[in-house]
């Protein structure tokens, strides 16, 4: 009888180990690059048979990091990975973000760098808004509540000396809704932190063009006080950049600030799964880039630039892959 029980237990354990892990990828709101990027990643991983992957639509970085922190359950073979901006990952890891103060997301580990996100401050040419100070008295969306967009929007506004209370109306909309409201004339400007190009803003440009108008990106001069305050708040995590006029069909190039985007997974994710994710990502990079234009910046070389220079450690499986391909020592 004991032999039968032992054989039965061995069989059950073997079946459990043979089951593929379930990996949920937190993405973002519809119309944003996170949503399309995460969905494309899950599709590529599922086709490669790495594990069972499921993308979920969320409010963005902080929602994704909360899921990683609170919903990962190794005992159930379930793991939550997060698409996140580097600044969000950093303040969640250190506990500086209020929602992570009591319980920082210390278990997050970096897999790879995805692409830079531009801090968009979007309006139209005919709005008459030319600088951040012109937002006073206007109808403005600062992004979804508690999102990375909202946090960076409030930082930029504070640095520019503009209080949200000075708006005639403050909205807190995701990018697709913000773009629609601006196109319909019920909003004057909106903030959005996302990759280039963001589909909703491309569509906004098309809508405005039919009315004889065009998108205008409010500039943030890298030498301005606004930029310097933001750069000091997140040293090494924000970078000055210029968005070429060809991206959204704007009249001129637009100077501004970028933050990086990364994929993080819990440390408890099996090393072989993390390593397989890395290998499939870079083996299938052209497939990813065909699905999401922003993935042109996804590379082992760009990922290696973060290694050893970011407060959040890399996942051991990711490190193993990077060493195998010679990206890091």
Protein backbone atom coordinates (compact mmCIF):
# COMPACT_ATOMS: atom_id res chain seq x y z
CA UNK A 1 0.00 0.00 0.00
CA UNK A 2 2.84 2.38 0.90
CA UNK A 3 4.49 1.68 -2.45
CA UNK A 4 1.23 2.46 -4.27
CA UNK A 5 0.80 5.73 -2.36
CA UNK A 6 4.42 6.70 -3.04
CA UNK A 7 4.01 5.92 -6.74
CA UNK A 8 0.81 7.96 -6.85
CA UNK A 9 2.48 10.96 -5.15
CA UNK A 10 5.44 10.78 -7.55
CA UNK A 11 3.04 10.75 -10.50
CA UNK A 12 1.11 13.77 -9.18
CA UNK A 13 4.33 15.73 -8.57
CA UNK A 14 5.61 14.87 -12.04
CA UNK A 15 2.35 16.04 -13.62
CA UNK A 16 2.52 19.29 -11.61
CA UNK A 17 6.07 20.01 -12.69
CA UNK A 18 5.17 19.24 -16.30
CA UNK A 19 2.49 21.94 -16.33
CA UNK A 20 3.56 25.12 -18.06
CA UNK A 21 3.73 28.23 -15.89
CA UNK A 22 1.02 30.82 -16.47
CA UNK A 23 2.52 34.25 -17.11
CA UNK A 24 0.22 37.26 -17.17
CA UNK A 25 1.62 40.39 -18.84
CA UNK A 26 0.20 43.69 -17.62
CA UNK A 27 0.02 46.10 -20.57
CA UNK A 28 -1.83 49.44 -20.70
CA UNK A 29 -4.87 51.26 -22.03
CA UNK A 30 -6.20 50.70 -25.54
CA UNK A 31 -4.60 53.11 -27.99
CA UNK A 32 -1.29 53.20 -26.13
CA UNK A 33 1.89 51.41 -27.19
CA UNK A 34 2.00 49.27 -24.01
CA UNK A 35 -1.24 47.56 -25.01
CA UNK A 36 -0.01 46.60 -28.48
CA UNK A 37 3.52 45.77 -27.35
CA UNK A 38 2.39 43.46 -24.53
CA UNK A 39 -0.19 41.75 -26.72
CA UNK A 40 2.42 41.14 -29.44
CA UNK A 41 4.89 39.76 -26.89
CA UNK A 42 2.34 37.31 -25.47
CA UNK A 43 1.47 36.11 -28.97
CA UNK A 44 5.14 35.52 -29.85
CA UNK A 45 5.80 33.67 -26.59
CA UNK A 46 2.70 31.49 -26.93
CA UNK A 47 3.61 30.50 -30.47
CA UNK A 48 7.11 29.57 -29.28
CA UNK A 49 5.67 27.45 -26.48
CA UNK A 50 7.69 29.21 -23.76
CA UNK A 51 4.80 29.07 -21.26
CA UNK A 52 1.11 30.00 -21.16
CA UNK A 53 0.98 33.78 -21.64
CA UNK A 54 -1.98 36.11 -21.25
CA UNK A 55 -1.89 39.88 -21.85
CA UNK A 56 -4.26 42.00 -19.73
CA UNK A 57 -5.38 45.56 -20.34
CA UNK A 58 -4.60 47.86 -17.40
CA UNK A 59 -4.13 51.49 -16.48
CA UNK A 60 -0.39 51.17 -17.13
CA UNK A 61 2.85 50.96 -15.15
CA UNK A 62 1.62 51.22 -11.56
CA UNK A 63 -1.31 48.87 -12.10
CA UNK A 64 1.10 46.37 -13.66
CA UNK A 65 3.57 46.64 -10.78
CA UNK A 66 0.79 46.17 -8.23
CA UNK A 67 -0.30 43.01 -10.05
CA UNK A 68 3.30 41.75 -10.04
CA UNK A 69 3.60 42.44 -6.32
CA UNK A 70 0.21 41.18 -5.16
CA UNK A 71 -0.96 38.53 -7.63
CA UNK A 72 2.15 36.48 -8.35
CA UNK A 73 1.70 33.03 -6.79
CA UNK A 74 4.53 30.54 -7.39
CA UNK A 75 2.55 27.83 -5.58
CA UNK A 76 -0.12 28.15 -8.26
CA UNK A 77 2.55 28.37 -10.97
CA UNK A 78 1.24 31.87 -11.84
CA UNK A 79 3.46 34.89 -12.39
CA UNK A 80 2.68 38.50 -13.28
CA UNK A 81 5.13 40.45 -15.42
CA UNK A 82 4.84 44.19 -15.97
CA UNK A 83 5.45 46.61 -18.79
CA UNK A 84 6.57 49.74 -16.97
CA UNK A 85 8.40 53.01 -17.34
CA UNK A 86 11.77 53.09 -15.61
CA UNK A 87 10.71 55.94 -13.31
CA UNK A 88 7.61 54.02 -12.15
CA UNK A 89 9.60 50.83 -11.56
CA UNK A 90 12.15 52.82 -9.58
CA UNK A 91 9.72 54.55 -7.18
CA UNK A 92 7.75 51.30 -6.73
CA UNK A 93 10.99 49.48 -5.89
CA UNK A 94 12.19 52.13 -3.42
CA UNK A 95 8.75 52.71 -1.90
CA UNK A 96 8.73 56.41 -2.81
CA UNK A 97 5.42 55.95 -4.64
CA UNK A 98 2.64 56.09 -1.96
CA UNK A 99 0.97 52.86 -3.08
CA UNK A 100 4.24 51.02 -2.50
CA UNK A 101 5.37 52.79 0.67
CA UNK A 102 4.17 50.10 3.08
CA UNK A 103 5.17 47.28 0.74
CA UNK A 104 7.74 48.16 -1.95
CA UNK A 105 7.83 46.01 -5.08
CA UNK A 106 11.27 44.61 -4.22
CA UNK A 107 10.64 41.34 -6.06
CA UNK A 108 10.63 42.92 -9.51
CA UNK A 109 13.55 42.03 -11.77
CA UNK A 110 14.49 43.48 -15.16
CA UNK A 111 14.31 41.32 -18.28
CA UNK A 112 14.94 43.79 -21.08
CA UNK A 113 14.70 47.37 -22.29
CA UNK A 114 11.80 48.00 -24.65
CA UNK A 115 11.84 51.58 -25.97
CA UNK A 116 11.81 55.21 -24.84
CA UNK A 117 8.52 56.94 -24.01
CA UNK A 118 8.04 60.61 -24.82
CA UNK A 119 6.30 62.93 -22.36
CA UNK A 120 3.68 64.22 -24.79
CA UNK A 121 1.85 67.47 -24.03
CA UNK A 122 -0.64 67.45 -26.89
CA UNK A 123 -2.83 70.22 -28.21
CA UNK A 124 -3.70 71.64 -31.66
CA UNK A 125 -2.24 74.50 -33.68
CA UNK A 126 -5.53 76.42 -33.55
CA UNK A 127 -5.79 76.18 -29.75
CA UNK A 128 -3.36 79.06 -29.35
CA UNK A 129 -1.49 77.12 -26.67
CA UNK A 130 2.23 77.43 -27.32
CA UNK A 131 3.93 76.93 -23.92
CA UNK A 132 3.04 75.10 -20.72
CA UNK A 133 2.01 78.34 -18.98
CA UNK A 134 -0.73 78.75 -21.62
CA UNK A 135 -2.54 75.76 -20.09
CA UNK A 136 -3.90 78.02 -17.34
CA UNK A 137 -7.61 78.52 -17.84
CA UNK A 138 -7.82 75.61 -20.30
CA UNK A 139 -9.48 72.17 -20.26
CA UNK A 140 -6.62 69.73 -19.66
CA UNK A 141 -6.27 65.99 -19.04
CA UNK A 142 -3.33 64.91 -16.90
CA UNK A 143 -3.74 61.18 -17.56
CA UNK A 144 -5.37 58.32 -15.73
CA UNK A 145 -5.45 58.58 -11.91
CA UNK A 146 -2.26 57.28 -10.35
CA UNK A 147 -0.62 56.49 -13.69
CA UNK A 148 2.96 57.21 -14.67
CA UNK A 149 1.53 59.76 -17.11
CA UNK A 150 -0.24 61.60 -14.31
CA UNK A 151 2.79 61.54 -12.01
CA UNK A 152 5.10 62.92 -14.69
CA UNK A 153 2.46 65.43 -15.83
CA UNK A 154 2.17 66.83 -12.32
CA UNK A 155 5.97 66.97 -12.01
CA UNK A 156 6.26 68.87 -15.30
CA UNK A 157 3.43 71.25 -14.36
CA UNK A 158 4.94 71.94 -10.94
CA UNK A 159 8.31 72.66 -12.54
CA UNK A 160 6.62 75.03 -14.99
CA UNK A 161 4.77 76.85 -12.20
CA UNK A 162 1.34 75.71 -13.39
CA UNK A 163 -1.14 74.38 -10.83
CA UNK A 164 -3.88 71.97 -11.99
CA UNK A 165 -6.28 74.16 -10.01
CA UNK A 166 -5.65 76.88 -12.59
CA UNK A 167 -7.30 74.80 -15.35
CA UNK A 168 -10.86 75.70 -16.24
CA UNK A 169 -11.47 71.94 -16.15
CA UNK A 170 -9.18 69.06 -15.24
CA UNK A 171 -9.78 65.64 -16.78
CA UNK A 172 -7.92 62.37 -16.02
CA UNK A 173 -8.32 60.40 -19.23
CA UNK A 174 -6.45 57.54 -20.92
CA UNK A 175 -4.79 58.47 -24.20
CA UNK A 176 -7.53 57.26 -26.56
CA UNK A 177 -10.23 59.22 -24.71
CA UNK A 178 -8.02 62.29 -24.42
CA UNK A 179 -7.31 62.27 -28.15
CA UNK A 180 -11.01 61.82 -28.96
CA UNK A 181 -12.03 64.67 -26.65
CA UNK A 182 -9.47 67.01 -28.21
CA UNK A 183 -10.62 66.05 -31.71
CA UNK A 184 -14.24 66.74 -30.72
CA UNK A 185 -13.35 70.09 -29.14
CA UNK A 186 -14.29 69.21 -25.55
CA UNK A 187 -10.65 69.27 -24.39
CA UNK A 188 -7.85 71.75 -25.10
CA UNK A 189 -4.78 69.64 -24.25
CA UNK A 190 -3.72 66.35 -22.70
CA UNK A 191 -0.64 64.68 -21.27
CA UNK A 192 0.47 61.25 -22.38
CA UNK A 193 3.67 59.31 -21.68
CA UNK A 194 4.10 56.75 -24.44
CA UNK A 195 6.13 55.45 -27.34
CA UNK A 196 6.56 57.04 -30.76
CA UNK A 197 4.32 57.01 -32.60
CA UNK A 198 1.27 56.52 -30.37
CA UNK A 199 -1.62 55.36 -32.54
CA UNK A 200 -4.28 57.53 -30.87
CA UNK A 201 -2.26 60.68 -31.55
CA UNK A 202 -1.68 59.66 -35.17
CA UNK A 203 -5.46 59.27 -35.52
CA UNK A 204 -5.95 62.63 -33.80
CA UNK A 205 -3.72 64.23 -36.42
CA UNK A 206 -5.87 62.73 -39.17
CA UNK A 207 -9.04 64.02 -37.52
CA UNK A 208 -7.61 67.52 -37.08
CA UNK A 209 -6.36 67.58 -40.68
CA UNK A 210 -9.93 67.12 -41.91
CA UNK A 211 -10.75 70.35 -40.04
CA UNK A 212 -7.76 72.23 -41.42
CA UNK A 213 -5.86 71.92 -38.14
CA UNK A 214 -2.90 69.85 -36.94
CA UNK A 215 -1.30 68.40 -33.83
CA UNK A 216 0.94 70.67 -31.77
CA UNK A 217 3.32 69.22 -29.17
CA UNK A 218 4.03 71.76 -26.45
CA UNK A 219 7.85 71.94 -26.26
CA UNK A 220 9.95 71.37 -23.14
CA UNK A 221 13.34 72.94 -23.77
CA UNK A 222 16.10 70.74 -22.24
CA UNK A 223 17.76 73.90 -20.88
CA UNK A 224 14.56 75.21 -19.27
CA UNK A 225 13.87 75.15 -15.53
CA UNK A 226 11.01 72.75 -16.20
CA UNK A 227 13.32 70.19 -17.80
CA UNK A 228 16.07 70.64 -15.21
CA UNK A 229 13.68 70.00 -12.29
CA UNK A 230 12.37 66.84 -13.94
CA UNK A 231 15.87 65.58 -14.79
CA UNK A 232 16.99 66.18 -11.19
CA UNK A 233 14.00 64.27 -9.82
CA UNK A 234 14.86 61.17 -11.88
CA UNK A 235 18.62 61.28 -12.53
CA UNK A 236 19.62 58.87 -15.26
CA UNK A 237 15.99 57.88 -15.92
CA UNK A 238 14.89 60.85 -18.04
CA UNK A 239 16.66 62.10 -21.15
CA UNK A 240 16.28 65.19 -23.36
CA UNK A 241 15.07 64.33 -26.86
CA UNK A 242 13.51 65.79 -29.99
CA UNK A 243 10.45 64.38 -31.75
CA UNK A 244 10.85 64.84 -35.52
CA UNK A 245 7.94 66.61 -37.21
CA UNK A 246 7.43 63.55 -39.42
CA UNK A 247 6.21 61.44 -36.46
CA UNK A 248 2.87 63.23 -36.04
CA UNK A 249 2.88 65.62 -38.95
CA UNK A 250 3.60 68.63 -36.75
CA UNK A 251 4.77 71.89 -38.24
CA UNK A 252 8.16 71.72 -36.50
CA UNK A 253 10.29 69.29 -34.52
CA UNK A 254 9.39 69.24 -30.81
CA UNK A 255 11.99 69.18 -28.00
CA UNK A 256 11.02 67.32 -24.84
CA UNK A 257 11.85 64.53 -22.41
CA UNK A 258 11.94 60.73 -22.64
CA UNK A 259 11.63 58.06 -20.00
CA UNK A 260 12.61 54.45 -20.68
CA UNK A 261 10.32 51.41 -20.73
CA UNK A 262 11.28 47.96 -19.50
CA UNK A 263 9.77 44.53 -18.96
CA UNK A 264 10.06 43.36 -15.37
CA UNK A 265 9.07 39.99 -13.93
CA UNK A 266 9.07 38.61 -10.38
CA UNK A 267 12.28 37.09 -9.10
CA UNK A 268 10.30 33.88 -8.49
CA UNK A 269 9.71 33.37 -12.22
CA UNK A 270 11.72 30.22 -13.08
CA UNK A 271 15.10 31.08 -14.56
CA UNK A 272 14.58 28.82 -17.56
CA UNK A 273 11.34 30.66 -18.42
CA UNK A 274 12.98 34.09 -18.15
CA UNK A 275 15.91 32.93 -20.25
CA UNK A 276 13.57 31.46 -22.88
CA UNK A 277 11.62 34.74 -22.99
CA UNK A 278 14.85 36.61 -23.68
CA UNK A 279 15.92 34.22 -26.41
CA UNK A 280 12.54 34.24 -28.16
CA UNK A 281 12.28 38.05 -27.92
CA UNK A 282 15.57 38.65 -29.68
CA UNK A 283 15.31 35.69 -32.06
CA UNK A 284 11.89 37.02 -33.13
CA UNK A 285 12.74 40.72 -32.90
CA UNK A 286 11.72 41.46 -36.50
CA UNK A 287 8.29 39.96 -35.84
CA UNK A 288 7.93 42.21 -32.80
CA UNK A 289 9.11 45.26 -34.73
CA UNK A 290 6.66 44.53 -37.54
CA UNK A 291 3.84 44.49 -34.97
CA UNK A 292 4.97 47.53 -32.94
CA UNK A 293 7.02 50.34 -34.47
CA UNK A 294 8.43 51.39 -31.09
CA UNK A 295 10.18 48.01 -30.79
CA UNK A 296 12.90 49.32 -33.14
CA UNK A 297 14.70 50.28 -29.92
CA UNK A 298 14.30 46.86 -28.32
CA UNK A 299 17.71 45.21 -28.42
CA UNK A 300 20.20 43.28 -26.30
CA UNK A 301 22.62 46.21 -26.69
CA UNK A 302 20.14 48.75 -25.27
CA UNK A 303 19.27 46.31 -22.49
CA UNK A 304 22.96 45.90 -21.62
CA UNK A 305 23.24 49.68 -21.09
CA UNK A 306 20.99 49.33 -18.01
CA UNK A 307 22.89 46.40 -16.55
CA UNK A 308 24.74 47.41 -13.40
CA UNK A 309 23.50 51.01 -13.68
CA UNK A 310 19.90 50.61 -12.54
CA UNK A 311 18.72 50.25 -8.94
CA UNK A 312 16.56 47.24 -9.83
CA UNK A 313 18.54 44.02 -10.39
CA UNK A 314 18.23 41.94 -13.54
CA UNK A 315 16.47 38.58 -13.42
CA UNK A 316 19.05 35.75 -13.23
CA UNK A 317 17.55 34.17 -16.36
CA UNK A 318 17.95 37.45 -18.24
CA UNK A 319 21.53 37.84 -17.04
CA UNK A 320 22.34 34.31 -18.14
CA UNK A 321 21.06 35.07 -21.65
CA UNK A 322 22.91 38.40 -21.89
CA UNK A 323 26.16 36.70 -20.86
CA UNK A 324 25.64 33.88 -23.35
CA UNK A 325 25.27 36.32 -26.26
CA UNK A 326 28.17 38.46 -25.03
CA UNK A 327 26.08 41.57 -24.29
CA UNK A 328 27.41 41.73 -20.72
CA UNK A 329 30.38 40.12 -18.99
